Amino acid sequence: MLKDKSIGLVLSGGGVRGMAHIGLIKALREHQIEANVVAGTSIGALVGALYANDNSVEDMLKFFKETPLFQYSFFAINKPGFIDTERYFSIFKDFFPDDSFKSLKRPLFVVATDLLKGNEKVFYDGELIKPLLASAALPPVFSPVTIDDVLYADGGIMNNFPKEYVDNLTDFIIGSNVSITAPLQKKDLRNSFQLTARVTSLMIHASNHEKLRQCDLFIEPKELDTIGVLDKKGIENAFKIGYDQGSRALEKMMSQTS
């Protein structure tokens, strides 16, 4: 059904939960399905870049397992944020030695937020690593990234599911949303931090929801809600959840078209 179609893959932000994107990619490859164009925000941009670079699933997981989230030497000095995002440049260079969108095997659209103008910015050519770092620079944990004298931060602030960048380039769109909003109890909203996190999550979900439903095939695994956004211990679990959901979605689609 899909071999004659141009396929777009859209990957949301969502921290460690984004390992479910890699699980979906494994399921797609097992069904001999490859995307022609990729768009991603935050963790979705990082996974999307590794996928567009033709990295194996094993290498993708290794990248996230071995990249330190919190490291004393990475603490920000004279920058907004706790962690200096640009200290990750050398780690990314090992995986993307050419540091260019042009070196990737398929087109990639990376969304970041211009903090000065308050606009969303999409990167798709030129240098690769700084836009990737910017797209994943979640405030206030990670410092903004400077590109051409502009401060950029997490793309999810403005657009957590950048489907529109593949709409006119593909015939069939596959989406993966890992920004989950499960029901809470009153006890889960006891302080300002929990309230802020909840409101932000609801705002992001509202903007994602309609675009996700417009995809030809999508996953949105509710089980990811038990995994913390910055909990590296959840990497394998999130990967398995994405793989299981992706496999089921693909098998259902195949059975309906056979």
C-alpha atoms as a PDB file:
ATOM      1  CA  MET A   1       0.000   0.000   0.000  1.00  0.00           C
ATOM      2  CA  LEU A   2       2.735   2.475   0.981  1.00  0.00           C
ATOM      3  CA  LYS A   3       5.575   1.555  -1.337  1.00  0.00           C
ATOM      4  CA  ASP A   4       4.388   3.918  -4.093  1.00  0.00           C
ATOM      5  CA  LYS A   5       3.669   6.812  -1.718  1.00  0.00           C
ATOM      6  CA  SER A   6       5.896   9.603  -0.444  1.00  0.00           C
ATOM      7  CA  ILE A   7       5.839   9.341   3.355  1.00  0.00           C
ATOM      8  CA  GLY A   8       6.260  12.095   5.925  1.00  0.00           C
ATOM      9  CA  LEU A   9       7.191  11.361   9.539  1.00  0.00           C
ATOM     10  CA  VAL A  10       6.297  13.903  12.267  1.00  0.00           C
ATOM     11  CA  LEU A  11       7.785  13.544  15.759  1.00  0.00           C
ATOM     12  CA  SER A  12       6.659  15.601  18.766  1.00  0.00           C
ATOM     13  CA  GLY A  13       8.594  16.882  21.740  1.00  0.00           C
ATOM     14  CA  GLY A  14       8.277  15.176  25.117  1.00  0.00           C
ATOM     15  CA  GLY A  15      11.682  14.505  26.677  1.00  0.00           C
ATOM     16  CA  VAL A  16      12.636  10.919  27.499  1.00  0.00           C
ATOM     17  CA  ARG A  17       9.194   9.823  26.351  1.00  0.00           C
ATOM     18  CA  GLY A  18      10.499  10.506  22.839  1.00  0.00           C
ATOM     19  CA  MET A  19      12.233   7.134  22.933  1.00  0.00           C
ATOM     20  CA  ALA A  20       8.814   5.877  21.834  1.00  0.00           C
ATOM     21  CA  HIS A  21       9.595   7.556  18.481  1.00  0.00           C
ATOM     22  CA  ILE A  22      12.533   5.164  18.110  1.00  0.00           C
ATOM     23  CA  GLY A  23      10.236   2.233  18.918  1.00  0.00           C
ATOM     24  CA  LEU A  24       7.895   3.374  16.141  1.00  0.00           C
ATOM     25  CA  ILE A  25      10.834   3.645  13.733  1.00  0.00           C
ATOM     26  CA  LYS A  26      11.826   0.069  14.561  1.00  0.00           C
ATOM     27  CA  ALA A  27       8.275  -1.092  13.814  1.00  0.00           C
ATOM     28  CA  LEU A  28       8.246   0.844  10.530  1.00  0.00           C
ATOM     29  CA  ARG A  29      11.534  -0.684   9.424  1.00  0.00           C
ATOM     30  CA  GLU A  30      10.296  -4.175  10.258  1.00  0.00           C
ATOM     31  CA  HIS A  31       7.429  -3.490   7.843  1.00  0.00           C
ATOM     32  CA  GLN A  32       9.888  -2.167   5.207  1.00  0.00           C
ATOM     33  CA  ILE A  33       8.465   1.356   5.542  1.00  0.00           C
ATOM     34  CA  GLU A  34      10.818   4.349   5.347  1.00  0.00           C
ATOM     35  CA  ALA A  35       9.868   8.012   5.464  1.00  0.00           C
ATOM     36  CA  ASN A  36      10.990  10.363   2.708  1.00  0.00           C
ATOM     37  CA  VAL A  37      10.731  13.558   4.782  1.00  0.00           C
ATOM     38  CA  VAL A  38      10.952  14.156   8.537  1.00  0.00           C
ATOM     39  CA  ALA A  39       9.826  17.014  10.793  1.00  0.00           C
ATOM     40  CA  GLY A  40      10.410  17.201  14.526  1.00  0.00           C
ATOM     41  CA  THR A  41      10.439  19.348  17.614  1.00  0.00           C
ATOM     42  CA  SER A  42      12.733  19.007  20.646  1.00  0.00           C
ATOM     43  CA  ILE A  43      13.383  15.288  21.311  1.00  0.00           C
ATOM     44  CA  GLY A  44      11.483  14.640  18.072  1.00  0.00           C
ATOM     45  CA  ALA A  45      14.028  16.765  16.203  1.00  0.00           C
ATOM     46  CA  LEU A  46      16.915  14.792  17.732  1.00  0.00           C
ATOM     47  CA  VAL A  47      15.368  11.413  16.904  1.00  0.00           C
ATOM     48  CA  GLY A  48      14.400  12.756  13.490  1.00  0.00           C
ATOM     49  CA  ALA A  49      17.986  13.823  12.784  1.00  0.00           C
ATOM     50  CA  LEU A  50      19.357  10.412  13.737  1.00  0.00           C
ATOM     51  CA  TYR A  51      16.722   8.773  11.536  1.00  0.00           C
ATOM     52  CA  ALA A  52      17.430  11.151   8.641  1.00  0.00           C
ATOM     53  CA  ASN A  53      21.098  10.266   9.102  1.00  0.00           C
ATOM     54  CA  ASP A  54      20.234   6.565   8.622  1.00  0.00           C
ATOM     55  CA  ASN A  55      21.437   5.611  12.094  1.00  0.00           C
ATOM     56  CA  SER A  56      20.354   2.205  13.363  1.00  0.00           C
ATOM     57  CA  VAL A  57      17.812   1.878  16.164  1.00  0.00           C
ATOM     58  CA  GLU A  58      20.616   0.579  18.374  1.00  0.00           C
ATOM     59  CA  ASP A  59      22.746   3.668  17.665  1.00  0.00           C
ATOM     60  CA  MET A  60      19.791   5.963  18.367  1.00  0.00           C
ATOM     61  CA  LEU A  61      19.220   4.396  21.792  1.00  0.00           C
ATOM     62  CA  LYS A  62      22.958   4.480  22.501  1.00  0.00           C
ATOM     63  CA  PHE A  63      23.030   8.213  21.739  1.00  0.00           C
ATOM     64  CA  PHE A  64      20.405   8.989  24.372  1.00  0.00           C
ATOM     65  CA  LYS A  65      21.709   6.524  26.950  1.00  0.00           C
ATOM     66  CA  GLU A  66      25.257   7.873  26.753  1.00  0.00           C
ATOM     67  CA  THR A  67      24.473  11.600  26.522  1.00  0.00           C
ATOM     68  CA  PRO A  68      24.491  13.015  30.071  1.00  0.00           C
ATOM     69  CA  LEU A  69      21.401  15.012  30.983  1.00  0.00           C
ATOM     70  CA  PHE A  70      22.917  16.544  34.105  1.00  0.00           C
ATOM     71  CA  GLN A  71      26.672  16.858  34.408  1.00  0.00           C
ATOM     72  CA  TYR A  72      28.444  19.174  36.838  1.00  0.00           C
ATOM     73  CA  SER A  73      30.832  20.501  34.192  1.00  0.00           C
ATOM     74  CA  PHE A  74      27.845  21.424  31.998  1.00  0.00           C
ATOM     75  CA  PHE A  75      26.246  23.774  34.556  1.00  0.00           C
ATOM     76  CA  ALA A  76      25.544  27.176  33.028  1.00  0.00           C
ATOM     77  CA  ILE A  77      27.634  30.185  34.090  1.00  0.00           C
ATOM     78  CA  ASN A  78      26.370  33.668  33.218  1.00  0.00           C
ATOM     79  CA  LYS A  79      23.585  32.155  31.080  1.00  0.00           C
ATOM     80  CA  PRO A  80      19.864  31.708  31.730  1.00  0.00           C
ATOM     81  CA  GLY A  81      19.145  28.057  32.531  1.00  0.00           C
ATOM     82  CA  PHE A  82      20.761  25.441  34.778  1.00  0.00           C
ATOM     83  CA  ILE A  83      22.592  23.511  32.050  1.00  0.00           C
ATOM     84  CA  ASP A  84      24.690  25.094  29.284  1.00  0.00           C
ATOM     85  CA  THR A  85      23.087  23.544  26.194  1.00  0.00           C
ATOM     86  CA  GLU A  86      26.019  24.406  23.921  1.00  0.00           C
ATOM     87  CA  ARG A  87      28.336  22.155  25.972  1.00  0.00           C
ATOM     88  CA  TYR A  88      26.655  19.233  24.183  1.00  0.00           C
ATOM     89  CA  PHE A  89      28.057  20.320  20.814  1.00  0.00           C
ATOM     90  CA  SER A  90      31.054  17.959  20.892  1.00  0.00           C
ATOM     91  CA  ILE A  91      28.852  14.962  21.770  1.00  0.00           C
ATOM     92  CA  PHE A  92      26.576  15.695  18.821  1.00  0.00           C
ATOM     93  CA  LYS A  93      29.596  16.169  16.532  1.00  0.00           C
ATOM     94  CA  ASP A  94      30.500  12.496  17.018  1.00  0.00           C
ATOM     95  CA  PHE A  95      27.166  11.518  15.476  1.00  0.00           C
ATOM     96  CA  PHE A  96      26.932  14.338  12.921  1.00  0.00           C
ATOM     97  CA  PRO A  97      30.584  15.009  11.941  1.00  0.00           C
ATOM     98  CA  ASP A  98      29.632  17.102   8.875  1.00  0.00           C
ATOM     99  CA  ASP A  99      27.325  19.300  10.988  1.00  0.00           C
ATOM    100  CA  SER A 100      25.021  20.039   8.052  1.00  0.00           C
ATOM    101  CA  PHE A 101      21.458  19.317   6.963  1.00  0.00           C
ATOM    102  CA  LYS A 102      22.869  18.603   3.506  1.00  0.00           C
ATOM    103  CA  SER A 103      24.798  15.578   4.818  1.00  0.00           C
ATOM    104  CA  LEU A 104      21.576  13.844   5.937  1.00  0.00           C
ATOM    105  CA  LYS A 105      20.057  11.109   3.776  1.00  0.00           C
ATOM    106  CA  ARG A 106      16.580  12.680   3.758  1.00  0.00           C
ATOM    107  CA  PRO A 107      15.143  16.184   4.269  1.00  0.00           C
ATOM    108  CA  LEU A 108      14.647  17.246   7.896  1.00  0.00           C
ATOM    109  CA  PHE A 109      12.686  20.180   9.338  1.00  0.00           C
ATOM    110  CA  VAL A 110      13.658  21.247  12.867  1.00  0.00           C
ATOM    111  CA  VAL A 111      11.478  23.661  14.842  1.00  0.00           C
ATOM    112  CA  ALA A 112      12.840  26.023  17.510  1.00  0.00           C
ATOM    113  CA  THR A 113      11.461  29.123  19.237  1.00  0.00           C
ATOM    114  CA  ASP A 114      12.915  32.593  18.623  1.00  0.00           C
ATOM    115  CA  LEU A 115      12.807  34.023  22.148  1.00  0.00           C
ATOM    116  CA  LEU A 116      13.475  37.586  20.997  1.00  0.00           C
ATOM    117  CA  LYS A 117      10.706  37.920  18.405  1.00  0.00           C
ATOM    118  CA  GLY A 118       8.406  35.335  19.953  1.00  0.00           C
ATOM    119  CA  ASN A 119       8.161  33.389  16.680  1.00  0.00           C
ATOM    120  CA  GLU A 120       8.597  29.810  15.644  1.00  0.00           C
ATOM    121  CA  LYS A 121      11.627  29.185  13.432  1.00  0.00           C
ATOM    122  CA  VAL A 122      12.110  26.199  11.163  1.00  0.00           C
ATOM    123  CA  PHE A 123      15.630  25.106  10.193  1.00  0.00           C
ATOM    124  CA  TYR A 124      16.202  22.857   7.191  1.00  0.00           C
ATOM    125  CA  ASP A 125      19.567  23.796   5.682  1.00  0.00           C
ATOM    126  CA  GLY A 126      22.989  25.057   6.746  1.00  0.00           C
ATOM    127  CA  GLU A 127      24.520  23.946  10.032  1.00  0.00           C
ATOM    128  CA  LEU A 128      22.684  21.159  11.828  1.00  0.00           C
ATOM    129  CA  ILE A 129      23.872  20.792  15.414  1.00  0.00           C
ATOM    130  CA  LYS A 130      23.015  24.219  16.838  1.00  0.00           C
ATOM    131  CA  PRO A 131      19.409  24.074  15.552  1.00  0.00           C
ATOM    132  CA  LEU A 132      19.072  20.599  17.094  1.00  0.00           C
ATOM    133  CA  LEU A 133      20.386  21.871  20.429  1.00  0.00           C
ATOM    134  CA  ALA A 134      18.098  24.897  20.242  1.00  0.00           C
ATOM    135  CA  SER A 135      15.025  22.814  19.442  1.00  0.00           C
ATOM    136  CA  ALA A 136      15.618  20.663  22.546  1.00  0.00           C
ATOM    137  CA  ALA A 137      16.642  23.482  24.938  1.00  0.00           C
ATOM    138  CA  LEU A 138      13.752  23.165  27.386  1.00  0.00           C
ATOM    139  CA  PRO A 139      13.505  26.213  29.696  1.00  0.00           C
ATOM    140  CA  PRO A 140      14.432  26.709  32.455  1.00  0.00           C
ATOM    141  CA  VAL A 141      16.579  23.552  32.626  1.00  0.00           C
ATOM    142  CA  PHE A 142      18.641  24.145  29.463  1.00  0.00           C
ATOM    143  CA  SER A 143      20.039  27.490  28.378  1.00  0.00           C
ATOM    144  CA  PRO A 144      18.900  29.033  25.070  1.00  0.00           C
ATOM    145  CA  VAL A 145      21.192  28.592  22.064  1.00  0.00           C
ATOM    146  CA  THR A 146      22.566  31.552  20.106  1.00  0.00           C
ATOM    147  CA  ILE A 147      22.357  31.308  16.307  1.00  0.00           C
ATOM    148  CA  ASP A 148      23.174  34.417  14.239  1.00  0.00           C
ATOM    149  CA  ASP A 149      22.879  36.562  17.373  1.00  0.00           C
ATOM    150  CA  VAL A 150      19.339  35.298  18.115  1.00  0.00           C
ATOM    151  CA  LEU A 151      18.398  33.281  21.209  1.00  0.00           C
ATOM    152  CA  TYR A 152      16.494  30.079  20.440  1.00  0.00           C
ATOM    153  CA  ALA A 153      14.843  27.621  22.811  1.00  0.00           C
ATOM    154  CA  ASP A 154      12.634  24.531  22.755  1.00  0.00           C
ATOM    155  CA  GLY A 155      10.446  24.353  19.658  1.00  0.00           C
ATOM    156  CA  GLY A 156       7.592  22.889  21.680  1.00  0.00           C
ATOM    157  CA  ILE A 157       6.864  26.343  23.104  1.00  0.00           C
ATOM    158  CA  MET A 158       5.429  27.383  19.726  1.00  0.00           C
ATOM    159  CA  ASN A 159       4.855  24.157  17.787  1.00  0.00           C
ATOM    160  CA  ASN A 160       5.226  20.752  19.390  1.00  0.00           C
ATOM    161  CA  PHE A 161       3.942  18.773  16.396  1.00  0.00           C
ATOM    162  CA  PRO A 162       5.210  20.395  13.164  1.00  0.00           C
ATOM    163  CA  LYS A 163       3.072  18.487  10.675  1.00  0.00           C
ATOM    164  CA  GLU A 164       2.605  21.479   8.360  1.00  0.00           C
ATOM    165  CA  TYR A 165       6.197  21.223   7.108  1.00  0.00           C
ATOM    166  CA  VAL A 166       5.571  17.836   5.472  1.00  0.00           C
ATOM    167  CA  ASP A 167       1.959  18.415   4.366  1.00  0.00           C
ATOM    168  CA  ASN A 168       2.706  19.531   0.819  1.00  0.00           C
ATOM    169  CA  LEU A 169       5.713  17.289   0.304  1.00  0.00           C
ATOM    170  CA  THR A 170       4.183  13.873   0.976  1.00  0.00           C
ATOM    171  CA  ASP A 171       1.154  11.673   0.207  1.00  0.00           C
ATOM    172  CA  PHE A 172       0.975   9.828   3.524  1.00  0.00           C
ATOM    173  CA  ILE A 173       1.798  11.210   6.978  1.00  0.00           C
ATOM    174  CA  ILE A 174       2.813   9.167  10.014  1.00  0.00           C
ATOM    175  CA  GLY A 175       2.757  10.959  13.369  1.00  0.00           C
ATOM    176  CA  SER A 176       4.073  10.163  16.831  1.00  0.00           C
ATOM    177  CA  ASN A 177       2.963  12.251  19.798  1.00  0.00           C
ATOM    178  CA  VAL A 178       4.606  11.618  23.171  1.00  0.00           C
ATOM    179  CA  SER A 179       3.308  14.723  24.993  1.00  0.00           C
ATOM    180  CA  ILE A 180       0.643  12.921  26.969  1.00  0.00           C
ATOM    181  CA  THR A 181      -2.018  14.441  29.236  1.00  0.00           C
ATOM    182  CA  ALA A 182      -3.608  11.755  31.410  1.00  0.00           C
ATOM    183  CA  PRO A 183      -6.250  12.620  34.049  1.00  0.00           C
ATOM    184  CA  LEU A 184      -4.873  13.791  37.432  1.00  0.00           C
ATOM    185  CA  GLN A 185      -6.088  13.742  41.023  1.00  0.00           C
ATOM    186  CA  LYS A 186      -6.394  16.921  43.115  1.00  0.00           C
ATOM    187  CA  LYS A 187      -3.410  15.749  45.168  1.00  0.00           C
ATOM    188  CA  ASP A 188      -1.270  15.931  42.010  1.00  0.00           C
ATOM    189  CA  LEU A 189      -1.670  19.734  41.858  1.00  0.00           C
ATOM    190  CA  ARG A 190      -0.375  20.801  45.248  1.00  0.00           C
ATOM    191  CA  ASN A 191       2.250  23.375  44.309  1.00  0.00           C
ATOM    192  CA  SER A 192       3.083  26.001  41.705  1.00  0.00           C
ATOM    193  CA  PHE A 193       5.520  23.758  39.837  1.00  0.00           C
ATOM    194  CA  GLN A 194       2.935  20.990  39.402  1.00  0.00           C
ATOM    195  CA  LEU A 195       0.305  23.522  38.344  1.00  0.00           C
ATOM    196  CA  THR A 196       2.621  25.164  35.794  1.00  0.00           C
ATOM    197  CA  ALA A 197       3.647  21.779  34.363  1.00  0.00           C
ATOM    198  CA  ARG A 198      -0.004  20.739  34.056  1.00  0.00           C
ATOM    199  CA  VAL A 199      -1.125  23.968  32.357  1.00  0.00           C
ATOM    200  CA  THR A 200       1.805  23.827  29.928  1.00  0.00           C
ATOM    201  CA  SER A 201       1.046  20.194  29.140  1.00  0.00           C
ATOM    202  CA  LEU A 202      -2.623  20.962  28.451  1.00  0.00           C
ATOM    203  CA  MET A 203      -1.761  23.909  26.191  1.00  0.00           C
ATOM    204  CA  ILE A 204       0.680  21.792  24.168  1.00  0.00           C
ATOM    205  CA  HIS A 205      -1.786  18.910  23.898  1.00  0.00           C
ATOM    206  CA  ALA A 206      -4.569  21.205  22.689  1.00  0.00           C
ATOM    207  CA  SER A 207      -2.394  22.531  19.865  1.00  0.00           C
ATOM    208  CA  ASN A 208      -1.191  19.020  18.949  1.00  0.00           C
ATOM    209  CA  HIS A 209      -4.471  17.183  19.034  1.00  0.00           C
ATOM    210  CA  GLU A 210      -6.122  18.333  15.823  1.00  0.00           C
ATOM    211  CA  LYS A 211      -2.952  18.011  13.729  1.00  0.00           C
ATOM    212  CA  LEU A 212      -2.282  14.532  15.084  1.00  0.00           C
ATOM    213  CA  ARG A 213      -5.766  13.371  14.082  1.00  0.00           C
ATOM    214  CA  GLN A 214      -5.112  14.610  10.536  1.00  0.00           C
ATOM    215  CA  CYS A 215      -2.267  12.096  10.121  1.00  0.00           C
ATOM    216  CA  ASP A 216      -2.907   8.975   8.039  1.00  0.00           C
ATOM    217  CA  LEU A 217      -1.348   6.844  10.767  1.00  0.00           C
ATOM    218  CA  PHE A 218      -0.378   7.925  14.276  1.00  0.00           C
ATOM    219  CA  ILE A 219       0.504   6.737  17.762  1.00  0.00           C
ATOM    220  CA  GLU A 220      -0.091   8.549  21.050  1.00  0.00           C
ATOM    221  CA  PRO A 221       0.746   6.016  23.789  1.00  0.00           C
ATOM    222  CA  LYS A 222      -1.064   6.879  27.022  1.00  0.00           C
ATOM    223  CA  GLU A 223       1.245   4.515  28.956  1.00  0.00           C
ATOM    224  CA  LEU A 224       4.040   7.061  28.574  1.00  0.00           C
ATOM    225  CA  ASP A 225       2.401   9.178  31.276  1.00  0.00           C
ATOM    226  CA  THR A 226       4.199   7.120  33.944  1.00  0.00           C
ATOM    227  CA  ILE A 227       7.611   8.159  32.555  1.00  0.00           C
ATOM    228  CA  GLY A 228       9.144  11.453  33.652  1.00  0.00           C
ATOM    229  CA  VAL A 229      10.152  13.863  30.904  1.00  0.00           C
ATOM    230  CA  LEU A 230      13.778  13.922  32.163  1.00  0.00           C
ATOM    231  CA  ASP A 231      13.908  10.390  33.650  1.00  0.00           C
ATOM    232  CA  LYS A 232      16.686   8.541  31.810  1.00  0.00           C
ATOM    233  CA  LYS A 233      15.678   5.329  33.595  1.00  0.00           C
ATOM    234  CA  GLY A 234      12.574   5.358  31.403  1.00  0.00           C
ATOM    235  CA  ILE A 235      14.450   5.080  28.093  1.00  0.00           C
ATOM    236  CA  GLU A 236      13.959   1.344  27.505  1.00  0.00           C
ATOM    237  CA  ASN A 237      10.370   1.372  28.732  1.00  0.00           C
ATOM    238  CA  ALA A 238       9.391   4.283  26.481  1.00  0.00           C
ATOM    239  CA  PHE A 239      11.112   2.588  23.530  1.00  0.00           C
ATOM    240  CA  LYS A 240       9.174  -0.643  24.123  1.00  0.00           C
ATOM    241  CA  ILE A 241       5.866   1.233  24.486  1.00  0.00           C
ATOM    242  CA  GLY A 242       6.453   3.008  21.160  1.00  0.00           C
ATOM    243  CA  TYR A 243       7.435  -0.230  19.444  1.00  0.00           C
ATOM    244  CA  ASP A 244       4.379  -2.095  20.719  1.00  0.00           C
ATOM    245  CA  GLN A 245       1.978   0.718  19.787  1.00  0.00           C
ATOM    246  CA  GLY A 246       3.633   1.223  16.410  1.00  0.00           C
ATOM    247  CA  SER A 247       3.493  -2.491  15.598  1.00  0.00           C
ATOM    248  CA  ARG A 248      -0.193  -2.688  16.525  1.00  0.00           C
ATOM    249  CA  ALA A 249      -1.068   0.415  14.499  1.00  0.00           C
ATOM    250  CA  LEU A 250       0.771  -0.894  11.439  1.00  0.00           C
ATOM    251  CA  GLU A 251      -0.744  -4.369  11.689  1.00  0.00           C
ATOM    252  CA  LYS A 252      -4.215  -2.846  12.000  1.00  0.00           C
ATOM    253  CA  MET A 253      -3.617  -0.663   8.962  1.00  0.00           C
ATOM    254  CA  MET A 254      -2.290  -3.608   6.932  1.00  0.00           C
ATOM    255  CA  SER A 255      -5.292  -5.779   7.836  1.00  0.00           C
ATOM    256  CA  GLN A 256      -7.729  -3.044   6.777  1.00  0.00           C
ATOM    257  CA  THR A 257      -6.072  -2.617   3.387  1.00  0.00           C
ATOM    258  CA  SER A 258      -5.515  -6.293   2.558  1.00  0.00           C
END
